[in-house]
C-alpha atoms as a PDB file:
ATOM      1  CA  UNK A   1       0.055   0.266  -0.051  1.00  0.00           C
ATOM      2  CA  UNK A   2       2.785   2.493   1.018  1.00  0.00           C
ATOM      3  CA  UNK A   3       4.167   1.782  -2.698  1.00  0.00           C
ATOM      4  CA  UNK A   4       0.829   2.699  -4.357  1.00  0.00           C
ATOM      5  CA  UNK A   5       0.644   5.975  -2.068  1.00  0.00           C
ATOM      6  CA  UNK A   6       4.287   7.092  -3.253  1.00  0.00           C
ATOM      7  CA  UNK A   7       3.824   6.061  -6.864  1.00  0.00           C
ATOM      8  CA  UNK A   8       0.536   8.468  -6.734  1.00  0.00           C
ATOM      9  CA  UNK A   9       2.803  11.741  -5.122  1.00  0.00           C
ATOM     10  CA  UNK A  10       5.160  10.714  -7.583  1.00  0.00           C
ATOM     11  CA  UNK A  11       2.562  11.201 -10.495  1.00  0.00           C
ATOM     12  CA  UNK A  12       0.825  14.046  -8.649  1.00  0.00           C
ATOM     13  CA  UNK A  13       4.330  16.427  -8.732  1.00  0.00           C
ATOM     14  CA  UNK A  14       4.532  14.488 -12.681  1.00  0.00           C
ATOM     15  CA  UNK A  15       1.323  16.340 -13.067  1.00  0.00           C
ATOM     16  CA  UNK A  16       2.225  19.579 -11.808  1.00  0.00           C
ATOM     17  CA  UNK A  17       5.562  19.857 -13.312  1.00  0.00           C
ATOM     18  CA  UNK A  18       4.785  18.732 -16.805  1.00  0.00           C
ATOM     19  CA  UNK A  19       2.061  21.748 -16.957  1.00  0.00           C
ATOM     20  CA  UNK A  20       4.315  24.054 -18.189  1.00  0.00           C
ATOM     21  CA  UNK A  21       6.307  22.127 -20.849  1.00  0.00           C
ATOM     22  CA  UNK A  22       2.239  21.135 -21.946  1.00  0.00           C
ATOM     23  CA  UNK A  23       1.951  24.792 -22.474  1.00  0.00           C
ATOM     24  CA  UNK A  24       5.028  25.409 -24.368  1.00  0.00           C
ATOM     25  CA  UNK A  25       4.622  22.120 -27.025  1.00  0.00           C
ATOM     26  CA  UNK A  26       0.618  23.300 -27.621  1.00  0.00           C
ATOM     27  CA  UNK A  27       2.236  27.088 -28.097  1.00  0.00           C
ATOM     28  CA  UNK A  28       5.121  25.457 -30.449  1.00  0.00           C
ATOM     29  CA  UNK A  29       2.791  23.482 -32.080  1.00  0.00           C
ATOM     30  CA  UNK A  30       0.342  26.191 -33.180  1.00  0.00           C
ATOM     31  CA  UNK A  31       3.479  28.026 -34.683  1.00  0.00           C
ATOM     32  CA  UNK A  32       5.320  25.285 -36.607  1.00  0.00           C
ATOM     33  CA  UNK A  33       1.959  23.882 -38.028  1.00  0.00           C
ATOM     34  CA  UNK A  34       2.102  27.615 -39.586  1.00  0.00           C
ATOM     35  CA  UNK A  35       5.394  27.537 -40.737  1.00  0.00           C
ATOM     36  CA  UNK A  36       7.021  29.419 -37.976  1.00  0.00           C
ATOM     37  CA  UNK A  37       9.826  28.201 -36.010  1.00  0.00           C
ATOM     38  CA  UNK A  38       9.680  29.630 -32.524  1.00  0.00           C
ATOM     39  CA  UNK A  39      12.571  28.355 -30.404  1.00  0.00           C
ATOM     40  CA  UNK A  40      11.769  31.749 -28.639  1.00  0.00           C
ATOM     41  CA  UNK A  41       9.676  29.352 -26.431  1.00  0.00           C
ATOM     42  CA  UNK A  42      12.139  29.317 -23.773  1.00  0.00           C
ATOM     43  CA  UNK A  43      12.617  32.818 -23.604  1.00  0.00           C
ATOM     44  CA  UNK A  44       8.451  33.298 -23.805  1.00  0.00           C
ATOM     45  CA  UNK A  45       8.445  31.460 -20.712  1.00  0.00           C
ATOM     46  CA  UNK A  46      10.717  33.322 -19.089  1.00  0.00           C
ATOM     47  CA  UNK A  47       9.430  36.371 -19.910  1.00  0.00           C
ATOM     48  CA  UNK A  48       6.366  35.354 -18.666  1.00  0.00           C
ATOM     49  CA  UNK A  49       6.779  34.337 -15.755  1.00  0.00           C
ATOM     50  CA  UNK A  50       8.571  37.816 -15.022  1.00  0.00           C
ATOM     51  CA  UNK A  51       5.846  39.524 -15.953  1.00  0.00           C
ATOM     52  CA  UNK A  52       3.135  38.049 -13.956  1.00  0.00           C
ATOM     53  CA  UNK A  53       5.019  37.440 -10.597  1.00  0.00           C
ATOM     54  CA  UNK A  54       6.171  41.183 -11.009  1.00  0.00           C
ATOM     55  CA  UNK A  55       2.521  42.315 -11.669  1.00  0.00           C
ATOM     56  CA  UNK A  56       1.033  39.967  -9.228  1.00  0.00           C
ATOM     57  CA  UNK A  57       3.378  41.444  -6.253  1.00  0.00           C
ATOM     58  CA  UNK A  58       2.360  45.002  -7.664  1.00  0.00           C
ATOM     59  CA  UNK A  59      -1.406  44.705  -7.777  1.00  0.00           C
ATOM     60  CA  UNK A  60      -2.118  42.086  -5.180  1.00  0.00           C
ATOM     61  CA  UNK A  61      -4.045  39.835  -7.795  1.00  0.00           C
ATOM     62  CA  UNK A  62      -2.910  36.669  -9.632  1.00  0.00           C
ATOM     63  CA  UNK A  63      -5.733  37.571 -12.714  1.00  0.00           C
ATOM     64  CA  UNK A  64      -3.912  40.528 -13.234  1.00  0.00           C
ATOM     65  CA  UNK A  65      -0.684  38.806 -12.976  1.00  0.00           C
ATOM     66  CA  UNK A  66      -1.933  36.227 -15.272  1.00  0.00           C
ATOM     67  CA  UNK A  67      -3.123  38.810 -17.848  1.00  0.00           C
ATOM     68  CA  UNK A  68       0.180  40.764 -17.387  1.00  0.00           C
ATOM     69  CA  UNK A  69       2.160  37.059 -18.061  1.00  0.00           C
ATOM     70  CA  UNK A  70       0.443  37.143 -21.323  1.00  0.00           C
ATOM     71  CA  UNK A  71       0.837  40.339 -22.709  1.00  0.00           C
ATOM     72  CA  UNK A  72       4.574  40.269 -22.096  1.00  0.00           C
ATOM     73  CA  UNK A  73       4.608  36.756 -24.200  1.00  0.00           C
ATOM     74  CA  UNK A  74       1.993  38.742 -27.034  1.00  0.00           C
ATOM     75  CA  UNK A  75       4.572  41.796 -27.228  1.00  0.00           C
ATOM     76  CA  UNK A  76       7.447  38.716 -27.775  1.00  0.00           C
ATOM     77  CA  UNK A  77       5.523  37.400 -30.583  1.00  0.00           C
ATOM     78  CA  UNK A  78       4.961  40.339 -31.707  1.00  0.00           C
ATOM     79  CA  UNK A  79       8.478  41.219 -32.154  1.00  0.00           C
ATOM     80  CA  UNK A  80       8.983  37.671 -34.138  1.00  0.00           C
ATOM     81  CA  UNK A  81       6.205  37.678 -36.157  1.00  0.00           C
ATOM     82  CA  UNK A  82       7.628  41.525 -37.119  1.00  0.00           C
ATOM     83  CA  UNK A  83      11.071  39.526 -37.834  1.00  0.00           C
ATOM     84  CA  UNK A  84      10.247  36.220 -39.610  1.00  0.00           C
ATOM     85  CA  UNK A  85       7.085  37.712 -41.554  1.00  0.00           C
ATOM     86  CA  UNK A  86       7.145  41.219 -42.263  1.00  0.00           C
ATOM     87  CA  UNK A  87      11.123  41.478 -42.505  1.00  0.00           C
ATOM     88  CA  UNK A  88      11.449  37.804 -43.733  1.00  0.00           C
ATOM     89  CA  UNK A  89      14.526  37.264 -41.044  1.00  0.00           C
ATOM     90  CA  UNK A  90      15.682  34.181 -40.381  1.00  0.00           C
ATOM     91  CA  UNK A  91      13.252  32.538 -37.448  1.00  0.00           C
ATOM     92  CA  UNK A  92      16.129  30.546 -35.462  1.00  0.00           C
ATOM     93  CA  UNK A  93      18.284  33.685 -35.329  1.00  0.00           C
ATOM     94  CA  UNK A  94      14.912  35.894 -33.931  1.00  0.00           C
ATOM     95  CA  UNK A  95      14.455  33.265 -31.745  1.00  0.00           C
ATOM     96  CA  UNK A  96      17.527  32.534 -29.733  1.00  0.00           C
ATOM     97  CA  UNK A  97      17.773  36.967 -29.898  1.00  0.00           C
ATOM     98  CA  UNK A  98      14.232  36.637 -27.833  1.00  0.00           C
ATOM     99  CA  UNK A  99      15.849  34.308 -25.493  1.00  0.00           C
ATOM    100  CA  UNK A 100      18.954  35.886 -24.383  1.00  0.00           C
ATOM    101  CA  UNK A 101      16.826  39.374 -23.927  1.00  0.00           C
ATOM    102  CA  UNK A 102      14.406  37.710 -21.914  1.00  0.00           C
ATOM    103  CA  UNK A 103      17.415  36.324 -19.805  1.00  0.00           C
ATOM    104  CA  UNK A 104      19.117  39.366 -19.688  1.00  0.00           C
ATOM    105  CA  UNK A 105      16.154  41.866 -19.417  1.00  0.00           C
ATOM    106  CA  UNK A 106      14.337  39.793 -16.528  1.00  0.00           C
ATOM    107  CA  UNK A 107      17.412  39.651 -14.611  1.00  0.00           C
ATOM    108  CA  UNK A 108      17.873  43.385 -14.607  1.00  0.00           C
ATOM    109  CA  UNK A 109      14.516  44.569 -14.259  1.00  0.00           C
ATOM    110  CA  UNK A 110      13.993  42.206 -11.468  1.00  0.00           C
ATOM    111  CA  UNK A 111      16.892  44.086  -9.815  1.00  0.00           C
ATOM    112  CA  UNK A 112      16.175  47.540 -10.717  1.00  0.00           C
ATOM    113  CA  UNK A 113      12.749  47.180  -9.831  1.00  0.00           C
ATOM    114  CA  UNK A 114      12.517  45.136  -6.582  1.00  0.00           C
ATOM    115  CA  UNK A 115      16.443  44.959  -5.597  1.00  0.00           C
ATOM    116  CA  UNK A 116      16.189  40.921  -4.830  1.00  0.00           C
ATOM    117  CA  UNK A 117      18.992  40.121  -7.288  1.00  0.00           C
ATOM    118  CA  UNK A 118      16.686  39.620  -9.534  1.00  0.00           C
ATOM    119  CA  UNK A 119      13.952  38.027  -7.585  1.00  0.00           C
ATOM    120  CA  UNK A 120      10.291  39.014  -6.730  1.00  0.00           C
ATOM    121  CA  UNK A 121       8.831  39.266  -3.989  1.00  0.00           C
ATOM    122  CA  UNK A 122       7.203  36.555  -2.378  1.00  0.00           C
ATOM    123  CA  UNK A 123       3.967  36.291  -2.957  1.00  0.00           C
ATOM    124  CA  UNK A 124       0.984  34.976  -1.350  1.00  0.00           C
ATOM    125  CA  UNK A 125      -2.973  34.624  -0.798  1.00  0.00           C
ATOM    126  CA  UNK A 126      -4.805  36.529  -3.873  1.00  0.00           C
ATOM    127  CA  UNK A 127      -1.312  36.961  -5.156  1.00  0.00           C
ATOM    128  CA  UNK A 128      -1.202  33.567  -6.532  1.00  0.00           C
ATOM    129  CA  UNK A 129      -3.363  30.566  -7.963  1.00  0.00           C
ATOM    130  CA  UNK A 130      -4.461  28.332  -5.370  1.00  0.00           C
ATOM    131  CA  UNK A 131      -5.852  24.327  -5.869  1.00  0.00           C
ATOM    132  CA  UNK A 132      -8.960  23.797  -6.202  1.00  0.00           C
ATOM    133  CA  UNK A 133     -11.151  20.624  -4.638  1.00  0.00           C
ATOM    134  CA  UNK A 134     -13.154  18.876  -6.385  1.00  0.00           C
ATOM    135  CA  UNK A 135     -16.655  17.960  -5.802  1.00  0.00           C
ATOM    136  CA  UNK A 136     -16.482  14.980  -3.049  1.00  0.00           C
ATOM    137  CA  UNK A 137     -12.906  15.227  -2.494  1.00  0.00           C
ATOM    138  CA  UNK A 138     -13.198  15.836   0.981  1.00  0.00           C
ATOM    139  CA  UNK A 139     -15.641  13.190   1.209  1.00  0.00           C
ATOM    140  CA  UNK A 140     -13.877   9.722  -0.586  1.00  0.00           C
ATOM    141  CA  UNK A 141     -10.129  10.646  -0.342  1.00  0.00           C
ATOM    142  CA  UNK A 142     -10.258   7.918   2.783  1.00  0.00           C
ATOM    143  CA  UNK A 143     -11.550   5.162   0.345  1.00  0.00           C
ATOM    144  CA  UNK A 144      -8.645   2.777  -0.831  1.00  0.00           C
ATOM    145  CA  UNK A 145      -7.078   3.458  -3.688  1.00  0.00           C
ATOM    146  CA  UNK A 146     -10.065   4.959  -5.914  1.00  0.00           C
ATOM    147  CA  UNK A 147     -10.625   8.045  -2.676  1.00  0.00           C
ATOM    148  CA  UNK A 148      -6.398   8.590  -3.336  1.00  0.00           C
ATOM    149  CA  UNK A 149      -6.607   8.912  -6.703  1.00  0.00           C
ATOM    150  CA  UNK A 150      -9.094  11.437  -6.817  1.00  0.00           C
ATOM    151  CA  UNK A 151      -8.151  13.412  -3.727  1.00  0.00           C
ATOM    152  CA  UNK A 152      -4.508  13.494  -4.567  1.00  0.00           C
ATOM    153  CA  UNK A 153      -3.910  12.804  -8.006  1.00  0.00           C
ATOM    154  CA  UNK A 154      -7.156  14.695  -9.464  1.00  0.00           C
ATOM    155  CA  UNK A 155      -8.068  17.449  -7.339  1.00  0.00           C
ATOM    156  CA  UNK A 156      -6.301  19.795  -5.687  1.00  0.00           C
ATOM    157  CA  UNK A 157      -4.605  21.142  -8.589  1.00  0.00           C
ATOM    158  CA  UNK A 158      -5.141  24.961  -9.779  1.00  0.00           C
ATOM    159  CA  UNK A 159      -6.489  26.340 -12.478  1.00  0.00           C
ATOM    160  CA  UNK A 160      -3.989  26.379 -14.767  1.00  0.00           C
ATOM    161  CA  UNK A 161      -3.176  22.532 -14.447  1.00  0.00           C
ATOM    162  CA  UNK A 162      -6.558  22.166 -15.647  1.00  0.00           C
ATOM    163  CA  UNK A 163      -6.419  24.393 -18.339  1.00  0.00           C
ATOM    164  CA  UNK A 164      -3.472  22.882 -19.971  1.00  0.00           C
ATOM    165  CA  UNK A 165      -4.600  19.453 -20.378  1.00  0.00           C
ATOM    166  CA  UNK A 166      -8.098  20.742 -21.780  1.00  0.00           C
ATOM    167  CA  UNK A 167      -5.911  22.551 -24.148  1.00  0.00           C
ATOM    168  CA  UNK A 168      -5.073  19.165 -25.781  1.00  0.00           C
ATOM    169  CA  UNK A 169      -8.367  18.018 -27.012  1.00  0.00           C
ATOM    170  CA  UNK A 170      -9.205  21.565 -27.902  1.00  0.00           C
ATOM    171  CA  UNK A 171      -5.856  21.982 -29.620  1.00  0.00           C
ATOM    172  CA  UNK A 172      -6.188  18.246 -31.365  1.00  0.00           C
ATOM    173  CA  UNK A 173     -10.180  19.381 -32.353  1.00  0.00           C
ATOM    174  CA  UNK A 174      -9.142  23.077 -33.788  1.00  0.00           C
ATOM    175  CA  UNK A 175      -6.323  22.124 -36.212  1.00  0.00           C
ATOM    176  CA  UNK A 176      -7.826  18.335 -37.830  1.00  0.00           C
ATOM    177  CA  UNK A 177     -11.757  19.559 -37.158  1.00  0.00           C
ATOM    178  CA  UNK A 178     -11.729  22.977 -38.286  1.00  0.00           C
ATOM    179  CA  UNK A 179     -11.781  25.227 -40.934  1.00  0.00           C
ATOM    180  CA  UNK A 180      -9.253  27.447 -39.348  1.00  0.00           C
ATOM    181  CA  UNK A 181      -7.008  24.231 -38.305  1.00  0.00           C
ATOM    182  CA  UNK A 182      -7.077  23.163 -42.162  1.00  0.00           C
ATOM    183  CA  UNK A 183      -5.801  26.880 -43.433  1.00  0.00           C
ATOM    184  CA  UNK A 184      -3.475  26.966 -39.919  1.00  0.00           C
ATOM    185  CA  UNK A 185      -1.819  23.572 -41.245  1.00  0.00           C
ATOM    186  CA  UNK A 186      -2.003  24.494 -45.197  1.00  0.00           C
ATOM    187  CA  UNK A 187       0.056  27.635 -44.217  1.00  0.00           C
ATOM    188  CA  UNK A 188       2.592  25.513 -43.139  1.00  0.00           C
ATOM    189  CA  UNK A 189       2.764  22.736 -45.749  1.00  0.00           C
ATOM    190  CA  UNK A 190       2.570  25.168 -48.813  1.00  0.00           C
ATOM    191  CA  UNK A 191       1.513  28.619 -48.159  1.00  0.00           C
ATOM    192  CA  UNK A 192       1.480  29.780 -52.396  1.00  0.00           C
ATOM    193  CA  UNK A 193      -1.233  27.320 -52.426  1.00  0.00           C
ATOM    194  CA  UNK A 194      -3.089  29.069 -49.657  1.00  0.00           C
ATOM    195  CA  UNK A 195      -2.117  32.469 -51.305  1.00  0.00           C
ATOM    196  CA  UNK A 196      -3.782  31.766 -54.498  1.00  0.00           C
ATOM    197  CA  UNK A 197      -7.003  30.593 -52.856  1.00  0.00           C
ATOM    198  CA  UNK A 198      -7.617  34.298 -51.570  1.00  0.00           C
ATOM    199  CA  UNK A 199      -6.546  33.664 -47.957  1.00  0.00           C
ATOM    200  CA  UNK A 200      -3.797  35.819 -46.517  1.00  0.00           C
ATOM    201  CA  UNK A 201      -0.766  33.982 -45.226  1.00  0.00           C
ATOM    202  CA  UNK A 202       0.833  36.790 -43.097  1.00  0.00           C
ATOM    203  CA  UNK A 203      -2.631  36.788 -41.092  1.00  0.00           C
ATOM    204  CA  UNK A 204      -2.600  32.936 -40.256  1.00  0.00           C
ATOM    205  CA  UNK A 205       0.702  33.145 -39.604  1.00  0.00           C
ATOM    206  CA  UNK A 206      -0.432  36.128 -37.168  1.00  0.00           C
ATOM    207  CA  UNK A 207      -3.211  34.282 -36.126  1.00  0.00           C
ATOM    208  CA  UNK A 208      -0.945  31.209 -35.276  1.00  0.00           C
ATOM    209  CA  UNK A 209       1.778  33.408 -33.274  1.00  0.00           C
ATOM    210  CA  UNK A 210      -0.859  35.097 -31.115  1.00  0.00           C
ATOM    211  CA  UNK A 211      -2.372  31.192 -30.064  1.00  0.00           C
ATOM    212  CA  UNK A 212       1.102  30.352 -29.456  1.00  0.00           C
ATOM    213  CA  UNK A 213       1.720  33.790 -26.761  1.00  0.00           C
ATOM    214  CA  UNK A 214      -1.489  32.998 -24.792  1.00  0.00           C
ATOM    215  CA  UNK A 215      -0.584  29.550 -24.374  1.00  0.00           C
ATOM    216  CA  UNK A 216       2.939  30.153 -23.528  1.00  0.00           C
ATOM    217  CA  UNK A 217       2.047  33.209 -22.082  1.00  0.00           C
ATOM    218  CA  UNK A 218      -0.168  31.227 -19.584  1.00  0.00           C
ATOM    219  CA  UNK A 219       2.513  28.422 -19.192  1.00  0.00           C
ATOM    220  CA  UNK A 220       5.039  31.188 -17.722  1.00  0.00           C
ATOM    221  CA  UNK A 221       2.613  32.550 -15.505  1.00  0.00           C
ATOM    222  CA  UNK A 222       1.601  29.098 -13.665  1.00  0.00           C
ATOM    223  CA  UNK A 223       5.835  28.540 -13.263  1.00  0.00           C
ATOM    224  CA  UNK A 224       5.519  31.783 -11.140  1.00  0.00           C
ATOM    225  CA  UNK A 225       2.567  32.255  -9.524  1.00  0.00           C
ATOM    226  CA  UNK A 226       0.956  29.139  -9.273  1.00  0.00           C
ATOM    227  CA  UNK A 227       3.481  26.056  -9.102  1.00  0.00           C
ATOM    228  CA  UNK A 228       5.948  29.101  -6.969  1.00  0.00           C
ATOM    229  CA  UNK A 229       5.926  31.847  -5.418  1.00  0.00           C
ATOM    230  CA  UNK A 230       7.469  34.395  -7.173  1.00  0.00           C
ATOM    231  CA  UNK A 231      10.261  34.727 -10.005  1.00  0.00           C
ATOM    232  CA  UNK A 232      13.934  33.331  -9.858  1.00  0.00           C
ATOM    233  CA  UNK A 233      16.437  34.080 -12.305  1.00  0.00           C
ATOM    234  CA  UNK A 234      15.963  31.557 -15.353  1.00  0.00           C
ATOM    235  CA  UNK A 235      13.035  29.806 -13.486  1.00  0.00           C
ATOM    236  CA  UNK A 236      11.976  28.461 -16.974  1.00  0.00           C
ATOM    237  CA  UNK A 237      14.920  26.106 -16.796  1.00  0.00           C
ATOM    238  CA  UNK A 238      15.337  24.742 -20.327  1.00  0.00           C
ATOM    239  CA  UNK A 239      11.613  23.594 -20.807  1.00  0.00           C
ATOM    240  CA  UNK A 240      10.839  25.807 -23.482  1.00  0.00           C
ATOM    241  CA  UNK A 241      13.507  24.072 -25.395  1.00  0.00           C
ATOM    242  CA  UNK A 242      12.320  20.430 -23.816  1.00  0.00           C
ATOM    243  CA  UNK A 243       8.742  21.663 -25.374  1.00  0.00           C
ATOM    244  CA  UNK A 244      10.691  21.990 -28.802  1.00  0.00           C
ATOM    245  CA  UNK A 245      12.224  18.331 -28.699  1.00  0.00           C
ATOM    246  CA  UNK A 246       8.424  17.341 -27.476  1.00  0.00           C
ATOM    247  CA  UNK A 247       6.987  18.399 -30.410  1.00  0.00           C
ATOM    248  CA  UNK A 248       9.295  16.834 -32.996  1.00  0.00           C
ATOM    249  CA  UNK A 249       9.568  13.643 -30.922  1.00  0.00           C
ATOM    250  CA  UNK A 250       5.762  13.793 -31.272  1.00  0.00           C
ATOM    251  CA  UNK A 251       5.885  14.827 -34.858  1.00  0.00           C
ATOM    252  CA  UNK A 252       3.737  17.886 -34.200  1.00  0.00           C
ATOM    253  CA  UNK A 253       0.617  15.971 -32.727  1.00  0.00           C
ATOM    254  CA  UNK A 254      -1.196  16.821 -29.681  1.00  0.00           C
ATOM    255  CA  UNK A 255      -2.018  13.745 -28.045  1.00  0.00           C
ATOM    256  CA  UNK A 256       1.568  12.237 -28.943  1.00  0.00           C
ATOM    257  CA  UNK A 257       2.890  15.735 -27.599  1.00  0.00           C
ATOM    258  CA  UNK A 258       0.893  15.492 -23.871  1.00  0.00           C
ATOM    259  CA  UNK A 259       2.798  11.760 -23.329  1.00  0.00           C
ATOM    260  CA  UNK A 260       6.004  13.534 -24.208  1.00  0.00           C
ATOM    261  CA  UNK A 261       5.646  16.327 -21.949  1.00  0.00           C
ATOM    262  CA  UNK A 262       4.113  13.676 -19.193  1.00  0.00           C
ATOM    263  CA  UNK A 263       7.428  11.901 -19.649  1.00  0.00           C
ATOM    264  CA  UNK A 264       9.492  14.065 -19.107  1.00  0.00           C
ATOM    265  CA  UNK A 265       7.137  15.664 -15.866  1.00  0.00           C
ATOM    266  CA  UNK A 266       7.634  12.468 -14.181  1.00  0.00           C
ATOM    267  CA  UNK A 267      11.565  12.340 -14.822  1.00  0.00           C
ATOM    268  CA  UNK A 268      11.372  15.189 -13.064  1.00  0.00           C
ATOM    269  CA  UNK A 269       9.385  14.345 -10.493  1.00  0.00           C
ATOM    270  CA  UNK A 270      11.703  11.283 -10.102  1.00  0.00           C
ATOM    271  CA  UNK A 271      14.507  13.102  -9.289  1.00  0.00           C
ATOM    272  CA  UNK A 272      13.783  15.182  -6.520  1.00  0.00           C
ATOM    273  CA  UNK A 273      12.377  11.955  -4.781  1.00  0.00           C
ATOM    274  CA  UNK A 274      16.140  10.500  -5.919  1.00  0.00           C
ATOM    275  CA  UNK A 275      18.073  13.412  -4.348  1.00  0.00           C
ATOM    276  CA  UNK A 276      19.479  12.389  -0.857  1.00  0.00           C
ATOM    277  CA  UNK A 277      18.798   8.747  -1.267  1.00  0.00           C
ATOM    278  CA  UNK A 278      21.300   5.944  -1.544  1.00  0.00           C
ATOM    279  CA  UNK A 279      21.291   4.144  -4.800  1.00  0.00           C
ATOM    280  CA  UNK A 280      21.853   0.687  -5.270  1.00  0.00           C
ATOM    281  CA  UNK A 281      25.744  -0.023  -6.066  1.00  0.00           C
ATOM    282  CA  UNK A 282      26.634   4.125  -6.297  1.00  0.00           C
ATOM    283  CA  UNK A 283      25.586   5.063  -3.117  1.00  0.00           C
ATOM    284  CA  UNK A 284      24.527   8.932  -2.733  1.00  0.00           C
ATOM    285  CA  UNK A 285      24.960  10.588  -5.847  1.00  0.00           C
ATOM    286  CA  UNK A 286      25.717  14.284  -5.911  1.00  0.00           C
ATOM    287  CA  UNK A 287      22.719  16.567  -6.140  1.00  0.00           C
ATOM    288  CA  UNK A 288      23.608  18.081  -9.452  1.00  0.00           C
ATOM    289  CA  UNK A 289      24.419  14.587 -11.209  1.00  0.00           C
ATOM    290  CA  UNK A 290      20.682  14.029 -10.023  1.00  0.00           C
ATOM    291  CA  UNK A 291      19.017  17.392 -11.395  1.00  0.00           C
ATOM    292  CA  UNK A 292      20.284  16.601 -14.579  1.00  0.00           C
ATOM    293  CA  UNK A 293      18.390  13.468 -14.602  1.00  0.00           C
ATOM    294  CA  UNK A 294      15.474  14.338 -16.496  1.00  0.00           C
ATOM    295  CA  UNK A 295      16.897  16.295 -19.204  1.00  0.00           C
ATOM    296  CA  UNK A 296      19.989  14.023 -20.156  1.00  0.00           C
ATOM    297  CA  UNK A 297      16.892  10.889 -19.881  1.00  0.00           C
ATOM    298  CA  UNK A 298      14.924  13.116 -22.087  1.00  0.00           C
ATOM    299  CA  UNK A 299      17.160  13.463 -25.008  1.00  0.00           C
ATOM    300  CA  UNK A 300      18.329   9.707 -24.702  1.00  0.00           C
ATOM    301  CA  UNK A 301      14.725   8.620 -25.096  1.00  0.00           C
ATOM    302  CA  UNK A 302      14.094  11.365 -27.721  1.00  0.00           C
ATOM    303  CA  UNK A 303      17.369  10.899 -29.791  1.00  0.00           C
ATOM    304  CA  UNK A 304      16.843   6.564 -29.646  1.00  0.00           C
ATOM    305  CA  UNK A 305      13.030   6.179 -29.965  1.00  0.00           C
ATOM    306  CA  UNK A 306      11.749   9.061 -32.265  1.00  0.00           C
ATOM    307  CA  UNK A 307      11.976   7.537 -35.623  1.00  0.00           C
ATOM    308  CA  UNK A 308      11.574  10.027 -38.732  1.00  0.00           C
ATOM    309  CA  UNK A 309       9.765  13.139 -38.003  1.00  0.00           C
ATOM    310  CA  UNK A 310       8.964  14.923 -40.901  1.00  0.00           C
ATOM    311  CA  UNK A 311       8.068  18.842 -40.097  1.00  0.00           C
ATOM    312  CA  UNK A 312       5.907  20.921 -41.646  1.00  0.00           C
ATOM    313  CA  UNK A 313       7.534  21.638 -45.273  1.00  0.00           C
ATOM    314  CA  UNK A 314       7.240  25.636 -44.748  1.00  0.00           C
ATOM    315  CA  UNK A 315       8.676  25.557 -41.615  1.00  0.00           C
ATOM    316  CA  UNK A 316      11.263  28.416 -41.210  1.00  0.00           C
ATOM    317  CA  UNK A 317      11.191  29.310 -44.816  1.00  0.00           C
ATOM    318  CA  UNK A 318       9.415  33.398 -45.188  1.00  0.00           C
ATOM    319  CA  UNK A 319       7.138  33.394 -47.516  1.00  0.00           C
ATOM    320  CA  UNK A 320       7.194  36.257 -50.588  1.00  0.00           C
ATOM    321  CA  UNK A 321       4.374  36.173 -52.428  1.00  0.00           C
ATOM    322  CA  UNK A 322       4.566  36.398 -56.266  1.00  0.00           C
ATOM    323  CA  UNK A 323       4.217  39.762 -58.338  1.00  0.00           C
END
């Protein structure tokens, strides 16, 4: 029974740790399906996390923080869109530049505004999103197995967690069951055909970037005002890059992407449990080696089992309208 309880706790942590990766992965799915390579997901996560925490600390409301986090991501997406769509620049370079900008700007503004070495003040109460207890969770928590799963694993998460998991079927429906999704996928495969049909390629790509910004902005806000109680330097910790790797492994499909993100969340949760433990044959492993475990295993698994992943044909290629 103790093994079941421990497994439930690990899975509960898996859900919590996977949320920002899920949202960033879905965000990248929209932009890359539209032909925009978004290396800047890492920077958008980091910048929106800072914006959300700073606004929440100043205004005392998690909802205002969430709105500012999304607004920051929208500003970064606008820069990426202008560079990639209007100026037809290199999308990879633009994304990397945004990552550098976010890393430097968040530390500078954090020190300038709050004088805490780049950190924001600790958040509490209405400044954070609190866990939600689902109906009957209190009544069934003592029921063996079923009650434990419902109380610990399903109930007790904040609203952004439920939003992230709901976004997966919504994304699958939008991309593969709607006219908008058909056009979005078409602009990533053959933008000239879409342009010939009288549909603006630029408008479709900007629409994808807006959706991307909303999703990654919510993911960044989750990091600082839901999962944590404030912003700290480099708190995105490579999750944007992991989201891109998950996207490739999932072959740009939402349901497989969810599975890969949960795998990373599980490995991340596992490393927390292994810290300070004596492992068989090797004894106690340094904390730094344990912390790198989820990233290392994710890369190994993705590199070893990905197979052939074919990106959208027009991904990363600026579209120029024929005269």
